[in-house]
C-alpha atoms as a PDB file:
ATOM      1  CA  UNK A   1       0.000   0.000   0.000  1.00  0.00           C
ATOM      2  CA  UNK A   2       2.784   2.425   0.909  1.00  0.00           C
ATOM      3  CA  UNK A   3       4.555   1.659  -2.342  1.00  0.00           C
ATOM      4  CA  UNK A   4       1.428   2.527  -4.311  1.00  0.00           C
ATOM      5  CA  UNK A   5       1.014   5.805  -2.417  1.00  0.00           C
ATOM      6  CA  UNK A   6       4.596   6.806  -3.197  1.00  0.00           C
ATOM      7  CA  UNK A   7       4.144   5.923  -6.852  1.00  0.00           C
ATOM      8  CA  UNK A   8       0.927   7.901  -7.230  1.00  0.00           C
ATOM      9  CA  UNK A   9       2.456  10.865  -5.389  1.00  0.00           C
ATOM     10  CA  UNK A  10       5.440  10.944  -7.735  1.00  0.00           C
ATOM     11  CA  UNK A  11       3.195  10.846 -10.786  1.00  0.00           C
ATOM     12  CA  UNK A  12       1.064  13.699  -9.457  1.00  0.00           C
ATOM     13  CA  UNK A  13       4.111  15.821  -8.671  1.00  0.00           C
ATOM     14  CA  UNK A  14       5.493  15.365 -12.142  1.00  0.00           C
ATOM     15  CA  UNK A  15       2.173  16.125 -13.810  1.00  0.00           C
ATOM     16  CA  UNK A  16       2.161  19.371 -11.871  1.00  0.00           C
ATOM     17  CA  UNK A  17       5.580  20.157 -13.333  1.00  0.00           C
ATOM     18  CA  UNK A  18       4.534  19.023 -16.789  1.00  0.00           C
ATOM     19  CA  UNK A  19       2.029  21.676 -17.954  1.00  0.00           C
ATOM     20  CA  UNK A  20      -0.238  21.305 -20.922  1.00  0.00           C
ATOM     21  CA  UNK A  21       1.205  21.721 -24.385  1.00  0.00           C
ATOM     22  CA  UNK A  22      -0.360  25.103 -25.015  1.00  0.00           C
ATOM     23  CA  UNK A  23       1.370  26.818 -22.080  1.00  0.00           C
ATOM     24  CA  UNK A  24       4.565  28.850 -22.476  1.00  0.00           C
ATOM     25  CA  UNK A  25       4.228  28.897 -26.237  1.00  0.00           C
ATOM     26  CA  UNK A  26       4.286  31.763 -28.688  1.00  0.00           C
ATOM     27  CA  UNK A  27       1.192  32.449 -30.767  1.00  0.00           C
ATOM     28  CA  UNK A  28       1.995  32.940 -34.469  1.00  0.00           C
ATOM     29  CA  UNK A  29      -1.196  33.551 -36.452  1.00  0.00           C
ATOM     30  CA  UNK A  30      -3.373  30.488 -35.948  1.00  0.00           C
ATOM     31  CA  UNK A  31      -0.422  28.261 -35.171  1.00  0.00           C
ATOM     32  CA  UNK A  32       1.391  27.927 -31.871  1.00  0.00           C
ATOM     33  CA  UNK A  33       5.147  27.544 -31.928  1.00  0.00           C
ATOM     34  CA  UNK A  34       7.557  27.002 -29.060  1.00  0.00           C
ATOM     35  CA  UNK A  35      10.974  27.615 -30.546  1.00  0.00           C
ATOM     36  CA  UNK A  36      14.204  29.472 -29.726  1.00  0.00           C
ATOM     37  CA  UNK A  37      13.243  30.278 -26.140  1.00  0.00           C
ATOM     38  CA  UNK A  38      16.530  29.232 -24.531  1.00  0.00           C
ATOM     39  CA  UNK A  39      20.286  29.474 -24.939  1.00  0.00           C
ATOM     40  CA  UNK A  40      23.355  27.321 -24.234  1.00  0.00           C
ATOM     41  CA  UNK A  41      21.710  24.550 -26.204  1.00  0.00           C
ATOM     42  CA  UNK A  42      24.785  22.354 -25.968  1.00  0.00           C
ATOM     43  CA  UNK A  43      23.363  21.247 -22.608  1.00  0.00           C
ATOM     44  CA  UNK A  44      20.511  19.495 -24.438  1.00  0.00           C
ATOM     45  CA  UNK A  45      22.789  17.189 -26.406  1.00  0.00           C
ATOM     46  CA  UNK A  46      22.625  13.473 -25.609  1.00  0.00           C
ATOM     47  CA  UNK A  47      26.156  12.533 -24.603  1.00  0.00           C
ATOM     48  CA  UNK A  48      26.468   8.807 -23.847  1.00  0.00           C
ATOM     49  CA  UNK A  49      26.301   6.403 -26.844  1.00  0.00           C
ATOM     50  CA  UNK A  50      24.102   3.954 -24.966  1.00  0.00           C
ATOM     51  CA  UNK A  51      21.564   6.684 -24.238  1.00  0.00           C
ATOM     52  CA  UNK A  52      21.700   8.008 -27.801  1.00  0.00           C
ATOM     53  CA  UNK A  53      21.217   4.545 -29.317  1.00  0.00           C
ATOM     54  CA  UNK A  54      18.126   4.039 -27.134  1.00  0.00           C
ATOM     55  CA  UNK A  55      16.564   7.263 -28.358  1.00  0.00           C
ATOM     56  CA  UNK A  56      17.545   9.084 -25.158  1.00  0.00           C
ATOM     57  CA  UNK A  57      14.867   7.128 -23.264  1.00  0.00           C
ATOM     58  CA  UNK A  58      17.065   6.494 -20.218  1.00  0.00           C
ATOM     59  CA  UNK A  59      15.495   8.491 -17.369  1.00  0.00           C
ATOM     60  CA  UNK A  60      14.491   5.341 -15.457  1.00  0.00           C
ATOM     61  CA  UNK A  61      17.678   3.340 -16.021  1.00  0.00           C
ATOM     62  CA  UNK A  62      20.026   2.322 -13.206  1.00  0.00           C
ATOM     63  CA  UNK A  63      23.618   2.540 -14.399  1.00  0.00           C
ATOM     64  CA  UNK A  64      26.953   4.229 -13.738  1.00  0.00           C
ATOM     65  CA  UNK A  65      28.360   7.735 -13.607  1.00  0.00           C
ATOM     66  CA  UNK A  66      26.811   8.524 -17.015  1.00  0.00           C
ATOM     67  CA  UNK A  67      23.466   8.909 -15.245  1.00  0.00           C
ATOM     68  CA  UNK A  68      24.510  12.393 -14.081  1.00  0.00           C
ATOM     69  CA  UNK A  69      23.932  13.634 -17.635  1.00  0.00           C
ATOM     70  CA  UNK A  70      20.329  12.358 -17.590  1.00  0.00           C
ATOM     71  CA  UNK A  71      18.930  11.514 -14.157  1.00  0.00           C
ATOM     72  CA  UNK A  72      21.426  11.600 -11.255  1.00  0.00           C
ATOM     73  CA  UNK A  73      19.274   9.191  -9.239  1.00  0.00           C
ATOM     74  CA  UNK A  74      20.184   6.490 -11.756  1.00  0.00           C
ATOM     75  CA  UNK A  75      23.675   6.052 -10.268  1.00  0.00           C
ATOM     76  CA  UNK A  76      22.382   5.493  -6.712  1.00  0.00           C
ATOM     77  CA  UNK A  77      23.028   1.732  -6.887  1.00  0.00           C
ATOM     78  CA  UNK A  78      26.478   1.894  -8.425  1.00  0.00           C
ATOM     79  CA  UNK A  79      27.811  -1.570  -9.200  1.00  0.00           C
ATOM     80  CA  UNK A  80      31.182  -1.603  -7.492  1.00  0.00           C
ATOM     81  CA  UNK A  81      33.373   0.955  -5.780  1.00  0.00           C
ATOM     82  CA  UNK A  82      33.946   3.321  -8.703  1.00  0.00           C
ATOM     83  CA  UNK A  83      32.949   3.913 -12.314  1.00  0.00           C
ATOM     84  CA  UNK A  84      34.616   6.112 -14.929  1.00  0.00           C
ATOM     85  CA  UNK A  85      33.294   6.984 -18.391  1.00  0.00           C
ATOM     86  CA  UNK A  86      35.036   8.834 -21.231  1.00  0.00           C
ATOM     87  CA  UNK A  87      33.412   9.748 -24.524  1.00  0.00           C
ATOM     88  CA  UNK A  88      33.557  11.651 -27.792  1.00  0.00           C
ATOM     89  CA  UNK A  89      30.858  12.880 -30.183  1.00  0.00           C
ATOM     90  CA  UNK A  90      31.414  13.725 -33.850  1.00  0.00           C
ATOM     91  CA  UNK A  91      28.537  16.199 -34.160  1.00  0.00           C
ATOM     92  CA  UNK A  92      27.170  17.996 -37.221  1.00  0.00           C
ATOM     93  CA  UNK A  93      29.052  20.911 -38.842  1.00  0.00           C
ATOM     94  CA  UNK A  94      32.379  19.500 -37.587  1.00  0.00           C
ATOM     95  CA  UNK A  95      31.471  20.361 -33.979  1.00  0.00           C
ATOM     96  CA  UNK A  96      33.178  18.093 -31.466  1.00  0.00           C
ATOM     97  CA  UNK A  97      31.997  17.160 -27.978  1.00  0.00           C
ATOM     98  CA  UNK A  98      34.130  15.528 -25.299  1.00  0.00           C
ATOM     99  CA  UNK A  99      32.658  14.307 -22.031  1.00  0.00           C
ATOM    100  CA  UNK A 100      33.738  12.430 -18.952  1.00  0.00           C
ATOM    101  CA  UNK A 101      32.195  11.314 -15.675  1.00  0.00           C
ATOM    102  CA  UNK A 102      33.290   9.464 -12.567  1.00  0.00           C
ATOM    103  CA  UNK A 103      31.301   8.108  -9.621  1.00  0.00           C
ATOM    104  CA  UNK A 104      32.466   6.750  -6.276  1.00  0.00           C
ATOM    105  CA  UNK A 105      30.599   4.699  -3.671  1.00  0.00           C
ATOM    106  CA  UNK A 106      32.566   4.816  -0.394  1.00  0.00           C
ATOM    107  CA  UNK A 107      31.801   2.391   2.436  1.00  0.00           C
ATOM    108  CA  UNK A 108      29.772   0.185   0.056  1.00  0.00           C
ATOM    109  CA  UNK A 109      27.264   2.948  -0.575  1.00  0.00           C
ATOM    110  CA  UNK A 110      26.539   3.672   3.083  1.00  0.00           C
ATOM    111  CA  UNK A 111      26.918   7.404   2.448  1.00  0.00           C
ATOM    112  CA  UNK A 112      25.490   7.407  -1.054  1.00  0.00           C
ATOM    113  CA  UNK A 113      27.269   7.838  -4.378  1.00  0.00           C
ATOM    114  CA  UNK A 114      29.367  10.892  -5.255  1.00  0.00           C
ATOM    115  CA  UNK A 115      30.238  11.933  -8.773  1.00  0.00           C
ATOM    116  CA  UNK A 116      31.913  14.506 -11.001  1.00  0.00           C
ATOM    117  CA  UNK A 117      31.279  15.204 -14.681  1.00  0.00           C
ATOM    118  CA  UNK A 118      32.472  17.484 -17.458  1.00  0.00           C
ATOM    119  CA  UNK A 119      31.236  18.342 -20.956  1.00  0.00           C
ATOM    120  CA  UNK A 120      33.389  20.406 -23.350  1.00  0.00           C
ATOM    121  CA  UNK A 121      32.477  21.677 -26.818  1.00  0.00           C
ATOM    122  CA  UNK A 122      34.807  22.680 -29.646  1.00  0.00           C
ATOM    123  CA  UNK A 123      32.901  24.576 -32.347  1.00  0.00           C
ATOM    124  CA  UNK A 124      35.965  24.890 -34.542  1.00  0.00           C
ATOM    125  CA  UNK A 125      37.354  27.994 -36.177  1.00  0.00           C
ATOM    126  CA  UNK A 126      34.971  30.554 -37.683  1.00  0.00           C
ATOM    127  CA  UNK A 127      35.457  33.582 -39.892  1.00  0.00           C
ATOM    128  CA  UNK A 128      34.932  36.994 -38.284  1.00  0.00           C
ATOM    129  CA  UNK A 129      33.591  39.957 -40.270  1.00  0.00           C
ATOM    130  CA  UNK A 130      32.189  43.414 -39.604  1.00  0.00           C
ATOM    131  CA  UNK A 131      29.808  45.486 -41.657  1.00  0.00           C
ATOM    132  CA  UNK A 132      31.475  48.046 -43.920  1.00  0.00           C
ATOM    133  CA  UNK A 133      30.735  50.350 -46.842  1.00  0.00           C
ATOM    134  CA  UNK A 134      32.373  48.116 -49.431  1.00  0.00           C
ATOM    135  CA  UNK A 135      31.182  46.242 -52.493  1.00  0.00           C
ATOM    136  CA  UNK A 136      30.823  43.095 -50.359  1.00  0.00           C
ATOM    137  CA  UNK A 137      29.196  44.958 -47.482  1.00  0.00           C
ATOM    138  CA  UNK A 138      31.688  43.605 -44.939  1.00  0.00           C
ATOM    139  CA  UNK A 139      35.375  43.425 -44.019  1.00  0.00           C
ATOM    140  CA  UNK A 140      37.110  40.154 -43.131  1.00  0.00           C
ATOM    141  CA  UNK A 141      39.062  40.689 -39.889  1.00  0.00           C
ATOM    142  CA  UNK A 142      40.267  37.164 -39.082  1.00  0.00           C
ATOM    143  CA  UNK A 143      38.966  34.112 -37.237  1.00  0.00           C
ATOM    144  CA  UNK A 144      37.711  33.165 -33.769  1.00  0.00           C
ATOM    145  CA  UNK A 145      36.983  29.948 -31.856  1.00  0.00           C
ATOM    146  CA  UNK A 146      33.840  29.774 -29.684  1.00  0.00           C
ATOM    147  CA  UNK A 147      33.835  27.215 -26.872  1.00  0.00           C
ATOM    148  CA  UNK A 148      31.474  25.900 -24.202  1.00  0.00           C
ATOM    149  CA  UNK A 149      31.895  23.840 -21.042  1.00  0.00           C
ATOM    150  CA  UNK A 150      29.912  22.429 -18.130  1.00  0.00           C
ATOM    151  CA  UNK A 151      31.579  21.032 -14.995  1.00  0.00           C
ATOM    152  CA  UNK A 152      29.363  19.341 -12.405  1.00  0.00           C
ATOM    153  CA  UNK A 153      29.313  17.570  -9.058  1.00  0.00           C
ATOM    154  CA  UNK A 154      26.598  14.995  -8.410  1.00  0.00           C
ATOM    155  CA  UNK A 155      25.209  12.943  -5.533  1.00  0.00           C
ATOM    156  CA  UNK A 156      22.703  10.084  -5.377  1.00  0.00           C
ATOM    157  CA  UNK A 157      21.347   7.944  -2.569  1.00  0.00           C
ATOM    158  CA  UNK A 158      19.082   4.916  -2.435  1.00  0.00           C
ATOM    159  CA  UNK A 159      16.853   5.914   0.484  1.00  0.00           C
ATOM    160  CA  UNK A 160      15.087   2.555   0.462  1.00  0.00           C
ATOM    161  CA  UNK A 161      15.423  -0.642  -1.531  1.00  0.00           C
ATOM    162  CA  UNK A 162      13.051   0.806  -4.122  1.00  0.00           C
ATOM    163  CA  UNK A 163      13.326   4.589  -3.921  1.00  0.00           C
ATOM    164  CA  UNK A 164      16.355   6.723  -4.870  1.00  0.00           C
ATOM    165  CA  UNK A 165      17.043  10.422  -5.300  1.00  0.00           C
ATOM    166  CA  UNK A 166      19.857  12.342  -6.934  1.00  0.00           C
ATOM    167  CA  UNK A 167      21.065  15.814  -7.800  1.00  0.00           C
ATOM    168  CA  UNK A 168      23.748  17.518  -9.843  1.00  0.00           C
ATOM    169  CA  UNK A 169      25.049  21.095  -9.650  1.00  0.00           C
ATOM    170  CA  UNK A 170      27.150  22.346 -12.547  1.00  0.00           C
ATOM    171  CA  UNK A 171      29.026  25.454 -13.576  1.00  0.00           C
ATOM    172  CA  UNK A 172      28.124  26.263 -17.170  1.00  0.00           C
ATOM    173  CA  UNK A 173      30.159  28.595 -19.364  1.00  0.00           C
ATOM    174  CA  UNK A 174      30.018  29.627 -23.011  1.00  0.00           C
ATOM    175  CA  UNK A 175      32.483  31.910 -24.781  1.00  0.00           C
ATOM    176  CA  UNK A 176      31.582  33.225 -28.229  1.00  0.00           C
ATOM    177  CA  UNK A 177      34.787  35.220 -28.475  1.00  0.00           C
ATOM    178  CA  UNK A 178      35.175  38.975 -28.628  1.00  0.00           C
ATOM    179  CA  UNK A 179      33.410  41.174 -31.164  1.00  0.00           C
ATOM    180  CA  UNK A 180      34.312  44.531 -32.672  1.00  0.00           C
ATOM    181  CA  UNK A 181      32.226  47.456 -31.408  1.00  0.00           C
ATOM    182  CA  UNK A 182      33.929  50.072 -33.572  1.00  0.00           C
ATOM    183  CA  UNK A 183      37.229  51.025 -35.132  1.00  0.00           C
ATOM    184  CA  UNK A 184      38.951  54.164 -33.818  1.00  0.00           C
ATOM    185  CA  UNK A 185      41.868  55.431 -35.888  1.00  0.00           C
ATOM    186  CA  UNK A 186      42.466  51.960 -37.229  1.00  0.00           C
ATOM    187  CA  UNK A 187      42.310  50.284 -33.800  1.00  0.00           C
ATOM    188  CA  UNK A 188      39.587  47.757 -33.005  1.00  0.00           C
ATOM    189  CA  UNK A 189      37.505  48.387 -29.886  1.00  0.00           C
ATOM    190  CA  UNK A 190      36.224  44.984 -28.741  1.00  0.00           C
ATOM    191  CA  UNK A 191      33.897  43.471 -26.155  1.00  0.00           C
ATOM    192  CA  UNK A 192      33.868  39.942 -24.771  1.00  0.00           C
ATOM    193  CA  UNK A 193      30.851  37.684 -25.353  1.00  0.00           C
ATOM    194  CA  UNK A 194      31.007  35.248 -22.453  1.00  0.00           C
ATOM    195  CA  UNK A 195      28.408  34.042 -19.962  1.00  0.00           C
ATOM    196  CA  UNK A 196      28.498  31.626 -17.047  1.00  0.00           C
ATOM    197  CA  UNK A 197      25.893  30.419 -14.576  1.00  0.00           C
ATOM    198  CA  UNK A 198      25.181  27.707 -12.013  1.00  0.00           C
ATOM    199  CA  UNK A 199      22.599  25.131 -13.105  1.00  0.00           C
ATOM    200  CA  UNK A 200      20.921  22.270 -11.260  1.00  0.00           C
ATOM    201  CA  UNK A 201      19.592  18.824 -12.163  1.00  0.00           C
ATOM    202  CA  UNK A 202      17.265  16.762  -9.950  1.00  0.00           C
ATOM    203  CA  UNK A 203      15.838  13.288 -10.271  1.00  0.00           C
ATOM    204  CA  UNK A 204      14.047  10.437  -8.526  1.00  0.00           C
ATOM    205  CA  UNK A 205      13.837   6.754  -9.382  1.00  0.00           C
ATOM    206  CA  UNK A 206      11.343   4.259  -8.014  1.00  0.00           C
ATOM    207  CA  UNK A 207      10.967   0.517  -8.508  1.00  0.00           C
ATOM    208  CA  UNK A 208       7.225  -0.035  -8.384  1.00  0.00           C
ATOM    209  CA  UNK A 209       7.522  -3.570  -7.002  1.00  0.00           C
ATOM    210  CA  UNK A 210       6.422  -5.419 -10.131  1.00  0.00           C
ATOM    211  CA  UNK A 211       9.366  -7.345 -11.521  1.00  0.00           C
ATOM    212  CA  UNK A 212      12.042  -4.880 -12.730  1.00  0.00           C
ATOM    213  CA  UNK A 213       9.610  -2.096 -13.659  1.00  0.00           C
ATOM    214  CA  UNK A 214      11.131   1.305 -12.841  1.00  0.00           C
ATOM    215  CA  UNK A 215       9.456   4.705 -12.798  1.00  0.00           C
ATOM    216  CA  UNK A 216      11.506   7.903 -12.768  1.00  0.00           C
ATOM    217  CA  UNK A 217      11.355  11.625 -13.373  1.00  0.00           C
ATOM    218  CA  UNK A 218      13.941  14.354 -13.712  1.00  0.00           C
ATOM    219  CA  UNK A 219      14.360  18.107 -14.061  1.00  0.00           C
ATOM    220  CA  UNK A 220      17.447  19.310 -15.900  1.00  0.00           C
ATOM    221  CA  UNK A 221      19.139  22.688 -16.427  1.00  0.00           C
ATOM    222  CA  UNK A 222      17.283  24.678 -13.790  1.00  0.00           C
ATOM    223  CA  UNK A 223      18.963  28.094 -13.388  1.00  0.00           C
ATOM    224  CA  UNK A 224      18.476  31.837 -13.276  1.00  0.00           C
ATOM    225  CA  UNK A 225      18.173  33.900 -16.447  1.00  0.00           C
ATOM    226  CA  UNK A 226      21.363  35.183 -18.077  1.00  0.00           C
ATOM    227  CA  UNK A 227      22.225  37.642 -20.837  1.00  0.00           C
ATOM    228  CA  UNK A 228      24.971  38.539 -23.292  1.00  0.00           C
ATOM    229  CA  UNK A 229      24.041  42.169 -23.937  1.00  0.00           C
ATOM    230  CA  UNK A 230      20.375  43.173 -23.630  1.00  0.00           C
ATOM    231  CA  UNK A 231      17.986  40.229 -23.944  1.00  0.00           C
ATOM    232  CA  UNK A 232      17.579  37.810 -21.049  1.00  0.00           C
ATOM    233  CA  UNK A 233      17.379  34.112 -21.847  1.00  0.00           C
ATOM    234  CA  UNK A 234      17.152  30.849 -19.943  1.00  0.00           C
ATOM    235  CA  UNK A 235      18.886  27.507 -20.154  1.00  0.00           C
ATOM    236  CA  UNK A 236      17.096  24.601 -21.902  1.00  0.00           C
ATOM    237  CA  UNK A 237      15.031  23.519 -18.890  1.00  0.00           C
ATOM    238  CA  UNK A 238      13.631  20.027 -19.421  1.00  0.00           C
ATOM    239  CA  UNK A 239      11.100  17.893 -17.519  1.00  0.00           C
ATOM    240  CA  UNK A 240      11.022  14.143 -18.055  1.00  0.00           C
ATOM    241  CA  UNK A 241       9.103  11.102 -16.923  1.00  0.00           C
ATOM    242  CA  UNK A 242      10.140   7.560 -17.777  1.00  0.00           C
ATOM    243  CA  UNK A 243       9.400   3.850 -17.436  1.00  0.00           C
ATOM    244  CA  UNK A 244      11.619   0.856 -18.130  1.00  0.00           C
ATOM    245  CA  UNK A 245      11.464  -2.914 -17.657  1.00  0.00           C
ATOM    246  CA  UNK A 246      13.394  -6.037 -18.566  1.00  0.00           C
ATOM    247  CA  UNK A 247      10.902  -8.019 -20.642  1.00  0.00           C
ATOM    248  CA  UNK A 248      12.500 -11.320 -19.613  1.00  0.00           C
ATOM    249  CA  UNK A 249      11.325 -10.623 -16.061  1.00  0.00           C
ATOM    250  CA  UNK A 250       7.779 -10.224 -17.348  1.00  0.00           C
ATOM    251  CA  UNK A 251       8.106 -13.668 -18.935  1.00  0.00           C
ATOM    252  CA  UNK A 252       9.401 -15.085 -15.622  1.00  0.00           C
ATOM    253  CA  UNK A 253      12.800 -15.902 -17.115  1.00  0.00           C
ATOM    254  CA  UNK A 254      15.069 -14.108 -14.659  1.00  0.00           C
ATOM    255  CA  UNK A 255      17.864 -16.665 -15.158  1.00  0.00           C
ATOM    256  CA  UNK A 256      17.879 -16.322 -18.928  1.00  0.00           C
ATOM    257  CA  UNK A 257      21.163 -15.358 -20.664  1.00  0.00           C
ATOM    258  CA  UNK A 258      19.122 -12.852 -22.626  1.00  0.00           C
ATOM    259  CA  UNK A 259      17.988  -9.454 -21.422  1.00  0.00           C
ATOM    260  CA  UNK A 260      15.521  -7.305 -23.350  1.00  0.00           C
ATOM    261  CA  UNK A 261      15.286  -3.852 -21.833  1.00  0.00           C
ATOM    262  CA  UNK A 262      12.463  -1.594 -23.047  1.00  0.00           C
ATOM    263  CA  UNK A 263      12.197   2.034 -21.966  1.00  0.00           C
ATOM    264  CA  UNK A 264       9.864   4.934 -22.705  1.00  0.00           C
ATOM    265  CA  UNK A 265      10.314   8.614 -21.822  1.00  0.00           C
ATOM    266  CA  UNK A 266       7.986  11.598 -22.152  1.00  0.00           C
ATOM    267  CA  UNK A 267       9.852  14.892 -22.334  1.00  0.00           C
ATOM    268  CA  UNK A 268       8.759  18.501 -22.104  1.00  0.00           C
ATOM    269  CA  UNK A 269      11.566  20.872 -23.144  1.00  0.00           C
ATOM    270  CA  UNK A 270      11.285  24.614 -22.706  1.00  0.00           C
ATOM    271  CA  UNK A 271      11.858  25.446 -26.350  1.00  0.00           C
ATOM    272  CA  UNK A 272      10.436  22.589 -28.397  1.00  0.00           C
ATOM    273  CA  UNK A 273       7.320  20.472 -28.657  1.00  0.00           C
ATOM    274  CA  UNK A 274       6.765  17.626 -26.220  1.00  0.00           C
ATOM    275  CA  UNK A 275       8.449  14.417 -27.319  1.00  0.00           C
ATOM    276  CA  UNK A 276       7.992  10.708 -26.711  1.00  0.00           C
ATOM    277  CA  UNK A 277      11.185   8.658 -26.732  1.00  0.00           C
ATOM    278  CA  UNK A 278      11.294   4.892 -27.114  1.00  0.00           C
ATOM    279  CA  UNK A 279      14.340   2.674 -26.726  1.00  0.00           C
ATOM    280  CA  UNK A 280      15.278  -0.969 -26.641  1.00  0.00           C
ATOM    281  CA  UNK A 281      18.396  -2.909 -25.674  1.00  0.00           C
ATOM    282  CA  UNK A 282      19.065  -6.607 -26.191  1.00  0.00           C
ATOM    283  CA  UNK A 283      21.970  -8.044 -24.178  1.00  0.00           C
ATOM    284  CA  UNK A 284      23.403 -11.542 -24.514  1.00  0.00           C
ATOM    285  CA  UNK A 285      25.244 -13.058 -21.511  1.00  0.00           C
ATOM    286  CA  UNK A 286      25.914  -9.544 -20.225  1.00  0.00           C
ATOM    287  CA  UNK A 287      28.558  -9.192 -22.955  1.00  0.00           C
ATOM    288  CA  UNK A 288      27.082  -8.021 -26.253  1.00  0.00           C
ATOM    289  CA  UNK A 289      24.357  -5.360 -26.430  1.00  0.00           C
ATOM    290  CA  UNK A 290      22.373  -4.265 -29.476  1.00  0.00           C
ATOM    291  CA  UNK A 291      20.328  -1.071 -29.201  1.00  0.00           C
ATOM    292  CA  UNK A 292      17.783   0.963 -31.130  1.00  0.00           C
ATOM    293  CA  UNK A 293      15.657   3.995 -30.373  1.00  0.00           C
ATOM    294  CA  UNK A 294      13.498   6.737 -31.808  1.00  0.00           C
ATOM    295  CA  UNK A 295      12.080  10.071 -30.640  1.00  0.00           C
ATOM    296  CA  UNK A 296       9.048  11.857 -32.082  1.00  0.00           C
ATOM    297  CA  UNK A 297       8.051  14.395 -33.208  1.00  0.00           C
ATOM    298  CA  UNK A 298      11.369  15.428 -34.724  1.00  0.00           C
ATOM    299  CA  UNK A 299      12.404  17.736 -37.545  1.00  0.00           C
ATOM    300  CA  UNK A 300      15.563  16.029 -38.814  1.00  0.00           C
ATOM    301  CA  UNK A 301      16.671  13.424 -36.267  1.00  0.00           C
ATOM    302  CA  UNK A 302      15.783   9.884 -37.290  1.00  0.00           C
ATOM    303  CA  UNK A 303      16.565   6.352 -36.177  1.00  0.00           C
ATOM    304  CA  UNK A 304      19.265   5.648 -33.591  1.00  0.00           C
ATOM    305  CA  UNK A 305      21.289   2.437 -33.532  1.00  0.00           C
ATOM    306  CA  UNK A 306      24.124   1.232 -31.343  1.00  0.00           C
ATOM    307  CA  UNK A 307      26.243  -1.608 -30.064  1.00  0.00           C
ATOM    308  CA  UNK A 308      28.083  -2.242 -26.823  1.00  0.00           C
ATOM    309  CA  UNK A 309      30.667  -4.741 -25.603  1.00  0.00           C
ATOM    310  CA  UNK A 310      31.461  -5.320 -21.942  1.00  0.00           C
ATOM    311  CA  UNK A 311      33.560  -7.806 -19.993  1.00  0.00           C
ATOM    312  CA  UNK A 312      34.575  -8.326 -16.370  1.00  0.00           C
ATOM    313  CA  UNK A 313      38.076  -9.574 -15.601  1.00  0.00           C
ATOM    314  CA  UNK A 314      39.746  -9.906 -12.189  1.00  0.00           C
ATOM    315  CA  UNK A 315      37.345  -7.486 -10.541  1.00  0.00           C
ATOM    316  CA  UNK A 316      37.589  -4.874 -13.307  1.00  0.00           C
ATOM    317  CA  UNK A 317      34.783  -4.118 -15.733  1.00  0.00           C
ATOM    318  CA  UNK A 318      35.517  -2.694 -19.182  1.00  0.00           C
ATOM    319  CA  UNK A 319      32.883  -1.484 -21.615  1.00  0.00           C
ATOM    320  CA  UNK A 320      32.961   0.015 -25.109  1.00  0.00           C
ATOM    321  CA  UNK A 321      29.908   1.652 -26.705  1.00  0.00           C
ATOM    322  CA  UNK A 322      29.133   3.096 -30.131  1.00  0.00           C
ATOM    323  CA  UNK A 323      26.004   4.847 -31.423  1.00  0.00           C
ATOM    324  CA  UNK A 324      24.887   6.004 -34.858  1.00  0.00           C
ATOM    325  CA  UNK A 325      22.186   8.660 -35.289  1.00  0.00           C
ATOM    326  CA  UNK A 326      20.699   9.694 -38.615  1.00  0.00           C
ATOM    327  CA  UNK A 327      20.202  13.440 -38.899  1.00  0.00           C
ATOM    328  CA  UNK A 328      18.270  14.157 -42.082  1.00  0.00           C
ATOM    329  CA  UNK A 329      19.859  16.744 -44.368  1.00  0.00           C
ATOM    330  CA  UNK A 330      22.767  17.089 -41.926  1.00  0.00           C
ATOM    331  CA  UNK A 331      25.631  14.620 -41.633  1.00  0.00           C
ATOM    332  CA  UNK A 332      25.065  11.523 -39.517  1.00  0.00           C
ATOM    333  CA  UNK A 333      26.281  11.609 -35.913  1.00  0.00           C
ATOM    334  CA  UNK A 334      28.697   9.115 -34.336  1.00  0.00           C
ATOM    335  CA  UNK A 335      29.321   8.666 -30.604  1.00  0.00           C
ATOM    336  CA  UNK A 336      31.994   6.612 -28.825  1.00  0.00           C
ATOM    337  CA  UNK A 337      32.706   5.909 -25.162  1.00  0.00           C
ATOM    338  CA  UNK A 338      34.788   3.774 -22.802  1.00  0.00           C
ATOM    339  CA  UNK A 339      33.763   2.727 -19.285  1.00  0.00           C
ATOM    340  CA  UNK A 340      35.857   1.363 -16.443  1.00  0.00           C
ATOM    341  CA  UNK A 341      34.413  -0.028 -13.215  1.00  0.00           C
ATOM    342  CA  UNK A 342      36.214  -1.219 -10.119  1.00  0.00           C
ATOM    343  CA  UNK A 343      34.530  -3.794  -7.897  1.00  0.00           C
END
């Protein structure tokens, strides 16, 4: 009975945070659009290849330090003493993402799980111009390299055998370089275009008591408003609710060498339409994993596919993951990661 009360309470709380589609949207003629209402969009990118391959439907998963990028509560039952993950994303337009996370469970989890994480973005080199009274209408004045970074500290704790909570606080910074305000006697007068802010992620995870069925919800990128010059803007705040289950448990085959994980997320981002995300993962003898996922509605993003290999030797666990994401008229996206766990 108590488990059911907790479950219903969590659902009600999330529904309260998950307003109807028509709210916080901009009216354009007879059509409502909810676009371009936030900045620092690099925080919305799906980092981990496993998550990307499953369509980003990972809010209710229990796994390692990577959970801090999605739902910090997911690392509350860390398998072993420590887990480290390193990854790389070959994004569209030659943009490169590098990410890393580490989680530690001292005293066999008696004090919870502590973690650190970092996400760095290299946008490459861009051409800088200023308006001028020339035939071209501009003057080429060189190049610049915008960058972005988020560094976070996370904590998760399994309060009971079924209920876990987690949080992550991160320092977020984006530098778009300096820009020319004017030219005085041939000298450039410049101003820096850099912002930084503290942001917070929260999450809960609950096993409902039926086989391996998990329910979870998370809030990501909660922060104050920031500005570059005049206009205030907010980070890409996102609310999520998710369910996941190992289908072999439903079939009463807990001892099977096969595992078929199915997960579903409902997401409400600040600056896009609500999305439903569906993912699946088949694992054979806890060694080879095949994954697929899809999110809708979507403008250009399509099917997601991935593969993972993991092995445990002498108390050390090593995992390698890869994900492929189709991206419509843009180039396809590839993600890679390595994981190390210490028992």
